PDB file of all heavy atoms in Angstrom:
ATOM      1  N   ASP A   1      17.113 -17.708 -27.936  1.00  0.00           N
ATOM      2  CA  ASP A   1      16.324 -16.723 -28.741  1.00  0.00           C
ATOM      3  C   ASP A   1      16.953 -15.376 -28.728  1.00  0.00           C
ATOM      4  O   ASP A   1      16.313 -14.361 -28.279  1.00  0.00           O
ATOM      5  CB  ASP A   1      14.881 -16.699 -28.289  1.00  0.00           C
ATOM      6  CG  ASP A   1      14.059 -16.070 -29.475  1.00  0.00           C
ATOM      7  OD1 ASP A   1      14.548 -15.817 -30.554  1.00  0.00           O
ATOM      8  OD2 ASP A   1      12.801 -15.791 -29.204  1.00  0.00           O
ATOM      9  N   PRO A   2      18.294 -15.168 -29.014  1.00  0.00           N
ATOM     10  CA  PRO A   2      18.965 -13.951 -28.800  1.00  0.00           C
ATOM     11  C   PRO A   2      18.386 -12.674 -29.599  1.00  0.00           C
ATOM     12  O   PRO A   2      18.382 -11.605 -29.070  1.00  0.00           O
ATOM     13  CB  PRO A   2      20.426 -14.159 -29.256  1.00  0.00           C
ATOM     14  CG  PRO A   2      20.238 -15.325 -30.185  1.00  0.00           C
ATOM     15  CD  PRO A   2      19.117 -16.211 -29.638  1.00  0.00           C
ATOM     16  N   GLU A   3      17.747 -13.040 -30.796  1.00  0.00           N
ATOM     17  CA  GLU A   3      17.234 -11.930 -31.584  1.00  0.00           C
ATOM     18  C   GLU A   3      16.143 -11.127 -30.807  1.00  0.00           C
ATOM     19  O   GLU A   3      16.065  -9.899 -30.984  1.00  0.00           O
ATOM     20  CB  GLU A   3      16.686 -12.449 -32.965  1.00  0.00           C
ATOM     21  CG  GLU A   3      17.693 -12.974 -33.923  1.00  0.00           C
ATOM     22  CD  GLU A   3      18.177 -14.375 -33.543  1.00  0.00           C
ATOM     23  OE1 GLU A   3      17.652 -14.979 -32.631  1.00  0.00           O
ATOM     24  OE2 GLU A   3      19.119 -14.853 -34.189  1.00  0.00           O
ATOM     25  N   LYS A   4      15.410 -11.842 -29.985  1.00  0.00           N
ATOM     26  CA  LYS A   4      14.307 -11.177 -29.295  1.00  0.00           C
ATOM     27  C   LYS A   4      14.707 -10.831 -27.852  1.00  0.00           C
ATOM     28  O   LYS A   4      14.434  -9.733 -27.364  1.00  0.00           O
ATOM     29  CB  LYS A   4      13.162 -12.270 -29.139  1.00  0.00           C
ATOM     30  CG  LYS A   4      11.913 -11.615 -28.469  1.00  0.00           C
ATOM     31  CD  LYS A   4      10.890 -12.696 -28.209  1.00  0.00           C
ATOM     32  CE  LYS A   4      10.483 -13.280 -29.518  1.00  0.00           C
ATOM     33  NZ  LYS A   4       9.324 -14.281 -29.297  1.00  0.00           N
ATOM     34  N   ASN A   5      15.476 -11.711 -27.186  1.00  0.00           N
ATOM     35  CA  ASN A   5      15.746 -11.467 -25.762  1.00  0.00           C
ATOM     36  C   ASN A   5      16.951 -10.503 -25.459  1.00  0.00           C
ATOM     37  O   ASN A   5      16.931  -9.912 -24.434  1.00  0.00           O
ATOM     38  CB  ASN A   5      16.079 -12.814 -25.078  1.00  0.00           C
ATOM     39  CG  ASN A   5      14.831 -13.719 -24.999  1.00  0.00           C
ATOM     40  OD1 ASN A   5      13.709 -13.137 -24.832  1.00  0.00           O
ATOM     41  ND2 ASN A   5      15.013 -14.973 -25.148  1.00  0.00           N
ATOM     42  N   VAL A   6      17.932 -10.475 -26.344  1.00  0.00           N
ATOM     43  CA  VAL A   6      19.052  -9.560 -26.146  1.00  0.00           C
ATOM     44  C   VAL A   6      18.648  -8.080 -26.157  1.00  0.00           C
ATOM     45  O   VAL A   6      18.933  -7.352 -25.224  1.00  0.00           O
ATOM     46  CB  VAL A   6      20.257  -9.851 -27.221  1.00  0.00           C
ATOM     47  CG1 VAL A   6      21.281  -8.728 -27.092  1.00  0.00           C
ATOM     48  CG2 VAL A   6      20.844 -11.177 -26.872  1.00  0.00           C
ATOM     49  N   PRO A   7      17.871  -7.600 -27.111  1.00  0.00           N
ATOM     50  CA  PRO A   7      17.486  -6.184 -27.068  1.00  0.00           C
ATOM     51  C   PRO A   7      16.578  -5.969 -25.849  1.00  0.00           C
ATOM     52  O   PRO A   7      16.633  -4.954 -25.193  1.00  0.00           O
ATOM     53  CB  PRO A   7      16.668  -6.041 -28.355  1.00  0.00           C
ATOM     54  CG  PRO A   7      17.289  -7.082 -29.360  1.00  0.00           C
ATOM     55  CD  PRO A   7      17.544  -8.239 -28.405  1.00  0.00           C
ATOM     56  N   ARG A   8      15.649  -6.933 -25.597  1.00  0.00           N
ATOM     57  CA  ARG A   8      14.784  -6.816 -24.339  1.00  0.00           C
ATOM     58  C   ARG A   8      15.587  -6.636 -23.111  1.00  0.00           C
ATOM     59  O   ARG A   8      15.307  -5.819 -22.224  1.00  0.00           O
ATOM     60  CB  ARG A   8      13.892  -7.914 -24.396  1.00  0.00           C
ATOM     61  CG  ARG A   8      12.837  -7.869 -23.159  1.00  0.00           C
ATOM     62  CD  ARG A   8      12.010  -9.110 -23.109  1.00  0.00           C
ATOM     63  NE  ARG A   8      11.293  -9.308 -24.423  1.00  0.00           N
ATOM     64  CZ  ARG A   8      10.669 -10.521 -24.670  1.00  0.00           C
ATOM     65  NH1 ARG A   8      10.638 -11.557 -23.808  1.00  0.00           N
ATOM     66  NH2 ARG A   8      10.010 -10.603 -25.849  1.00  0.00           N
ATOM     67  N   LEU A   9      16.609  -7.499 -22.997  1.00  0.00           N
ATOM     68  CA  LEU A   9      17.551  -7.489 -21.828  1.00  0.00           C
ATOM     69  C   LEU A   9      18.255  -6.216 -21.656  1.00  0.00           C
ATOM     70  O   LEU A   9      18.316  -5.656 -20.579  1.00  0.00           O
ATOM     71  CB  LEU A   9      18.492  -8.614 -21.962  1.00  0.00           C
ATOM     72  CG  LEU A   9      19.516  -8.843 -20.773  1.00  0.00           C
ATOM     73  CD1 LEU A   9      18.878  -9.148 -19.457  1.00  0.00           C
ATOM     74  CD2 LEU A   9      20.536  -9.986 -21.166  1.00  0.00           C
ATOM     75  N   TYR A  10      18.787  -5.737 -22.784  1.00  0.00           N
ATOM     76  CA  TYR A  10      19.581  -4.502 -22.655  1.00  0.00           C
ATOM     77  C   TYR A  10      18.687  -3.278 -22.420  1.00  0.00           C
ATOM     78  O   TYR A  10      19.038  -2.401 -21.518  1.00  0.00           O
ATOM     79  CB  TYR A  10      20.278  -4.188 -24.022  1.00  0.00           C
ATOM     80  CG  TYR A  10      21.677  -4.690 -24.008  1.00  0.00           C
ATOM     81  CD1 TYR A  10      22.012  -5.909 -24.656  1.00  0.00           C
ATOM     82  CD2 TYR A  10      22.695  -4.017 -23.312  1.00  0.00           C
ATOM     83  CE1 TYR A  10      23.267  -6.318 -24.689  1.00  0.00           C
ATOM     84  CE2 TYR A  10      23.979  -4.508 -23.387  1.00  0.00           C
ATOM     85  CZ  TYR A  10      24.313  -5.642 -23.958  1.00  0.00           C
ATOM     86  OH  TYR A  10      25.559  -6.120 -23.955  1.00  0.00           O
ATOM     87  N   TRP A  11      17.494  -3.163 -22.920  1.00  0.00           N
ATOM     88  CA  TRP A  11      16.533  -2.016 -22.636  1.00  0.00           C
ATOM     89  C   TRP A  11      16.144  -2.121 -21.216  1.00  0.00           C
ATOM     90  O   TRP A  11      16.077  -0.984 -20.454  1.00  0.00           O
ATOM     91  CB  TRP A  11      15.447  -2.082 -23.643  1.00  0.00           C
ATOM     92  CG  TRP A  11      15.662  -1.457 -24.930  1.00  0.00           C
ATOM     93  CD1 TRP A  11      15.759  -2.122 -26.132  1.00  0.00           C
ATOM     94  CD2 TRP A  11      16.116  -0.056 -25.214  1.00  0.00           C
ATOM     95  NE1 TRP A  11      16.173  -1.173 -27.062  1.00  0.00           N
ATOM     96  CE2 TRP A  11      16.392  -0.006 -26.598  1.00  0.00           C
ATOM     97  CE3 TRP A  11      16.253   0.997 -24.391  1.00  0.00           C
ATOM     98  CZ2 TRP A  11      16.744   1.231 -27.210  1.00  0.00           C
ATOM     99  CZ3 TRP A  11      16.699   2.292 -25.041  1.00  0.00           C
ATOM    100  CH2 TRP A  11      16.945   2.300 -26.454  1.00  0.00           C
ATOM    101  N   LEU A  12      15.729  -3.227 -20.741  1.00  0.00           N
ATOM    102  CA  LEU A  12      15.360  -3.329 -19.267  1.00  0.00           C
ATOM    103  C   LEU A  12      16.478  -2.968 -18.296  1.00  0.00           C
ATOM    104  O   LEU A  12      16.280  -2.188 -17.362  1.00  0.00           O
ATOM    105  CB  LEU A  12      14.806  -4.754 -18.964  1.00  0.00           C
ATOM    106  CG  LEU A  12      13.390  -5.101 -19.648  1.00  0.00           C
ATOM    107  CD1 LEU A  12      13.066  -6.585 -19.347  1.00  0.00           C
ATOM    108  CD2 LEU A  12      12.282  -4.218 -19.110  1.00  0.00           C
ATOM    109  N   SER A  13      17.612  -3.542 -18.602  1.00  0.00           N
ATOM    110  CA  SER A  13      18.807  -3.199 -17.704  1.00  0.00           C
ATOM    111  C   SER A  13      19.218  -1.775 -17.847  1.00  0.00           C
ATOM    112  O   SER A  13      19.557  -1.085 -16.828  1.00  0.00           O
ATOM    113  CB  SER A  13      19.955  -4.107 -18.049  1.00  0.00           C
ATOM    114  OG  SER A  13      20.374  -3.930 -19.370  1.00  0.00           O
ATOM    115  N   PHE A  14      19.140  -1.190 -18.983  1.00  0.00           N
ATOM    116  CA  PHE A  14      19.400   0.218 -19.208  1.00  0.00           C
ATOM    117  C   PHE A  14      18.539   1.117 -18.348  1.00  0.00           C
ATOM    118  O   PHE A  14      18.911   2.028 -17.741  1.00  0.00           O
ATOM    119  CB  PHE A  14      19.326   0.542 -20.672  1.00  0.00           C
ATOM    120  CG  PHE A  14      19.648   2.022 -20.883  1.00  0.00           C
ATOM    121  CD1 PHE A  14      20.904   2.537 -20.946  1.00  0.00           C
ATOM    122  CD2 PHE A  14      18.592   2.919 -21.227  1.00  0.00           C
ATOM    123  CE1 PHE A  14      21.208   3.848 -21.172  1.00  0.00           C
ATOM    124  CE2 PHE A  14      18.814   4.273 -21.451  1.00  0.00           C
ATOM    125  CZ  PHE A  14      20.191   4.683 -21.483  1.00  0.00           C
ATOM    126  N   ALA A  15      17.205   0.770 -18.407  1.00  0.00           N
ATOM    127  CA  ALA A  15      16.180   1.495 -17.607  1.00  0.00           C
ATOM    128  C   ALA A  15      16.507   1.375 -16.069  1.00  0.00           C
ATOM    129  O   ALA A  15      16.366   2.410 -15.392  1.00  0.00           O
ATOM    130  CB  ALA A  15      14.794   1.025 -17.897  1.00  0.00           C
ATOM    131  N   LEU A  16      16.872   0.185 -15.683  1.00  0.00           N
ATOM    132  CA  LEU A  16      17.159  -0.120 -14.234  1.00  0.00           C
ATOM    133  C   LEU A  16      18.439   0.699 -13.802  1.00  0.00           C
ATOM    134  O   LEU A  16      18.380   1.379 -12.727  1.00  0.00           O
ATOM    135  CB  LEU A  16      17.319  -1.566 -13.930  1.00  0.00           C
ATOM    136  CG  LEU A  16      17.740  -1.974 -12.536  1.00  0.00           C
ATOM    137  CD1 LEU A  16      16.616  -1.575 -11.580  1.00  0.00           C
ATOM    138  CD2 LEU A  16      17.943  -3.464 -12.580  1.00  0.00           C
ATOM    139  N   VAL A  17      19.442   0.591 -14.594  1.00  0.00           N
ATOM    140  CA  VAL A  17      20.731   1.247 -14.273  1.00  0.00           C
ATOM    141  C   VAL A  17      20.490   2.767 -14.230  1.00  0.00           C
ATOM    142  O   VAL A  17      21.043   3.531 -13.338  1.00  0.00           O
ATOM    143  CB  VAL A  17      21.833   0.853 -15.195  1.00  0.00           C
ATOM    144  CG1 VAL A  17      23.124   1.635 -14.947  1.00  0.00           C
ATOM    145  CG2 VAL A  17      22.177  -0.689 -15.036  1.00  0.00           C
ATOM    146  N   THR A  18      19.776   3.299 -15.131  1.00  0.00           N
ATOM    147  CA  THR A  18      19.670   4.731 -15.241  1.00  0.00           C
ATOM    148  C   THR A  18      18.778   5.204 -14.081  1.00  0.00           C
ATOM    149  O   THR A  18      19.068   6.278 -13.565  1.00  0.00           O
ATOM    150  CB  THR A  18      18.818   5.081 -16.668  1.00  0.00           C
ATOM    151  OG1 THR A  18      19.648   4.617 -17.674  1.00  0.00           O
ATOM    152  CG2 THR A  18      18.651   6.530 -16.749  1.00  0.00           C
ATOM    153  N   SER A  19      17.800   4.430 -13.649  1.00  0.00           N
ATOM    154  CA  SER A  19      16.984   4.817 -12.545  1.00  0.00           C
ATOM    155  C   SER A  19      17.812   4.931 -11.310  1.00  0.00           C
ATOM    156  O   SER A  19      17.704   5.820 -10.441  1.00  0.00           O
ATOM    157  CB  SER A  19      15.846   3.830 -12.326  1.00  0.00           C
ATOM    158  OG  SER A  19      14.985   3.806 -13.482  1.00  0.00           O
ATOM    159  N   ILE A  20      18.732   3.893 -11.139  1.00  0.00           N
ATOM    160  CA  ILE A  20      19.506   3.861  -9.903  1.00  0.00           C
ATOM    161  C   ILE A  20      20.505   5.087  -9.945  1.00  0.00           C
ATOM    162  O   ILE A  20      20.631   5.755  -8.823  1.00  0.00           O
ATOM    163  CB  ILE A  20      20.383   2.577  -9.869  1.00  0.00           C
ATOM    164  CG1 ILE A  20      19.526   1.402  -9.679  1.00  0.00           C
ATOM    165  CG2 ILE A  20      21.475   2.671  -8.781  1.00  0.00           C
ATOM    166  CD1 ILE A  20      20.217   0.051  -9.799  1.00  0.00           C
ATOM    167  N   TYR A  21      21.059   5.467 -11.057  1.00  0.00           N
ATOM    168  CA  TYR A  21      21.913   6.670 -11.152  1.00  0.00           C
ATOM    169  C   TYR A  21      21.159   7.991 -10.937  1.00  0.00           C
ATOM    170  O   TYR A  21      21.677   8.908 -10.283  1.00  0.00           O
ATOM    171  CB  TYR A  21      22.702   6.670 -12.429  1.00  0.00           C
ATOM    172  CG  TYR A  21      23.933   5.849 -12.376  1.00  0.00           C
ATOM    173  CD1 TYR A  21      23.889   4.490 -12.822  1.00  0.00           C
ATOM    174  CD2 TYR A  21      25.137   6.430 -12.054  1.00  0.00           C
ATOM    175  CE1 TYR A  21      25.063   3.784 -12.752  1.00  0.00           C
ATOM    176  CE2 TYR A  21      26.323   5.694 -12.051  1.00  0.00           C
ATOM    177  CZ  TYR A  21      26.269   4.309 -12.333  1.00  0.00           C
ATOM    178  OH  TYR A  21      27.408   3.578 -12.317  1.00  0.00           O
ATOM    179  N   LEU A  22      19.960   8.033 -11.413  1.00  0.00           N
ATOM    180  CA  LEU A  22      19.169   9.248 -11.151  1.00  0.00           C
ATOM    181  C   LEU A  22      18.881   9.440  -9.622  1.00  0.00           C
ATOM    182  O   LEU A  22      18.937  10.578  -9.079  1.00  0.00           O
ATOM    183  CB  LEU A  22      17.823   9.156 -11.954  1.00  0.00           C
ATOM    184  CG  LEU A  22      17.973   9.396 -13.481  1.00  0.00           C
ATOM    185  CD1 LEU A  22      16.604   9.102 -14.179  1.00  0.00           C
ATOM    186  CD2 LEU A  22      18.537  10.764 -13.786  1.00  0.00           C
ATOM    187  N   VAL A  23      18.490   8.272  -8.948  1.00  0.00           N
ATOM    188  CA  VAL A  23      18.228   8.343  -7.551  1.00  0.00           C
ATOM    189  C   VAL A  23      19.459   8.754  -6.765  1.00  0.00           C
ATOM    190  O   VAL A  23      19.578   9.674  -5.905  1.00  0.00           O
ATOM    191  CB  VAL A  23      17.656   7.078  -6.993  1.00  0.00           C
ATOM    192  CG1 VAL A  23      17.667   7.019  -5.462  1.00  0.00           C
ATOM    193  CG2 VAL A  23      16.324   6.755  -7.674  1.00  0.00           C
ATOM    194  N   LEU A  24      20.586   8.236  -7.263  1.00  0.00           N
ATOM    195  CA  LEU A  24      21.939   8.612  -6.599  1.00  0.00           C
ATOM    196  C   LEU A  24      22.240  10.003  -6.772  1.00  0.00           C
ATOM    197  O   LEU A  24      22.812  10.717  -5.913  1.00  0.00           O
ATOM    198  CB  LEU A  24      23.007   7.670  -7.164  1.00  0.00           C
ATOM    199  CG  LEU A  24      24.424   7.862  -6.544  1.00  0.00           C
ATOM    200  CD1 LEU A  24      24.391   7.508  -4.969  1.00  0.00           C
ATOM    201  CD2 LEU A  24      25.383   6.942  -7.234  1.00  0.00           C
ATOM    202  N   ALA A  25      22.033  10.549  -7.996  1.00  0.00           N
ATOM    203  CA  ALA A  25      22.220  12.005  -8.276  1.00  0.00           C
ATOM    204  C   ALA A  25      21.373  12.871  -7.459  1.00  0.00           C
ATOM    205  O   ALA A  25      21.833  13.943  -6.928  1.00  0.00           O
ATOM    206  CB  ALA A  25      21.993  12.291  -9.763  1.00  0.00           C
ATOM    207  N   LEU A  26      20.089  12.481  -7.222  1.00  0.00           N
ATOM    208  CA  LEU A  26      19.265  13.273  -6.446  1.00  0.00           C
ATOM    209  C   LEU A  26      19.694  13.330  -4.934  1.00  0.00           C
ATOM    210  O   LEU A  26      19.593  14.406  -4.296  1.00  0.00           O
ATOM    211  CB  LEU A  26      17.812  12.758  -6.534  1.00  0.00           C
ATOM    212  CG  LEU A  26      17.053  13.007  -7.836  1.00  0.00           C
ATOM    213  CD1 LEU A  26      15.744  12.277  -7.909  1.00  0.00           C
ATOM    214  CD2 LEU A  26      16.901  14.528  -8.236  1.00  0.00           C
ATOM    215  N   ILE A  27      20.054  12.141  -4.467  1.00  0.00           N
ATOM    216  CA  ILE A  27      20.597  12.117  -3.071  1.00  0.00           C
ATOM    217  C   ILE A  27      21.866  12.934  -2.980  1.00  0.00           C
ATOM    218  O   ILE A  27      21.935  13.636  -1.941  1.00  0.00           O
ATOM    219  CB  ILE A  27      20.902  10.535  -2.696  1.00  0.00           C
ATOM    220  CG1 ILE A  27      19.535   9.815  -2.635  1.00  0.00           C
ATOM    221  CG2 ILE A  27      21.597  10.535  -1.345  1.00  0.00           C
ATOM    222  CD1 ILE A  27      19.701   8.353  -2.470  1.00  0.00           C
ATOM    223  N   SER A  28      22.698  12.840  -3.926  1.00  0.00           N
ATOM    224  CA  SER A  28      24.032  13.589  -3.793  1.00  0.00           C
ATOM    225  C   SER A  28      23.730  15.152  -3.896  1.00  0.00           C
ATOM    226  O   SER A  28      24.290  15.890  -3.154  1.00  0.00           O
ATOM    227  CB  SER A  28      24.898  13.271  -4.942  1.00  0.00           C
ATOM    228  OG  SER A  28      25.200  11.902  -5.022  1.00  0.00           O
ATOM    229  N   THR A  29      22.759  15.524  -4.720  1.00  0.00           N
ATOM    230  CA  THR A  29      22.440  16.996  -4.776  1.00  0.00           C
ATOM    231  C   THR A  29      21.795  17.527  -3.445  1.00  0.00           C
ATOM    232  O   THR A  29      22.156  18.493  -2.953  1.00  0.00           O
ATOM    233  CB  THR A  29      21.360  17.203  -5.908  1.00  0.00           C
ATOM    234  OG1 THR A  29      21.907  16.658  -7.175  1.00  0.00           O
ATOM    235  CG2 THR A  29      21.049  18.666  -6.090  1.00  0.00           C
ATOM    236  N   GLY A  30      20.873  16.631  -2.840  1.00  0.00           N
ATOM    237  CA  GLY A  30      20.303  17.023  -1.620  1.00  0.00           C
ATOM    238  C   GLY A  30      21.391  17.122  -0.465  1.00  0.00           C
ATOM    239  O   GLY A  30      21.319  17.987   0.335  1.00  0.00           O
ATOM    240  N   ALA A  31      22.206  16.173  -0.471  1.00  0.00           N
ATOM    241  CA  ALA A  31      23.204  16.155   0.610  1.00  0.00           C
ATOM    242  C   ALA A  31      24.259  17.337   0.468  1.00  0.00           C
ATOM    243  O   ALA A  31      24.659  17.970   1.316  1.00  0.00           O
ATOM    244  CB  ALA A  31      24.119  14.841   0.513  1.00  0.00           C
TER     245      ALA A  31
END
C-alpha cells in the first residue's frame, strides 16, 4: 500500500532524524 505508507514512513522518519540532529546540536553547543 505505497500510496498510504510511503508518505507516512517519510514523515515519521523525518521527524525522528530531525529530533536526533537537534539533540546533537544542543549537546555540541553546550560542550
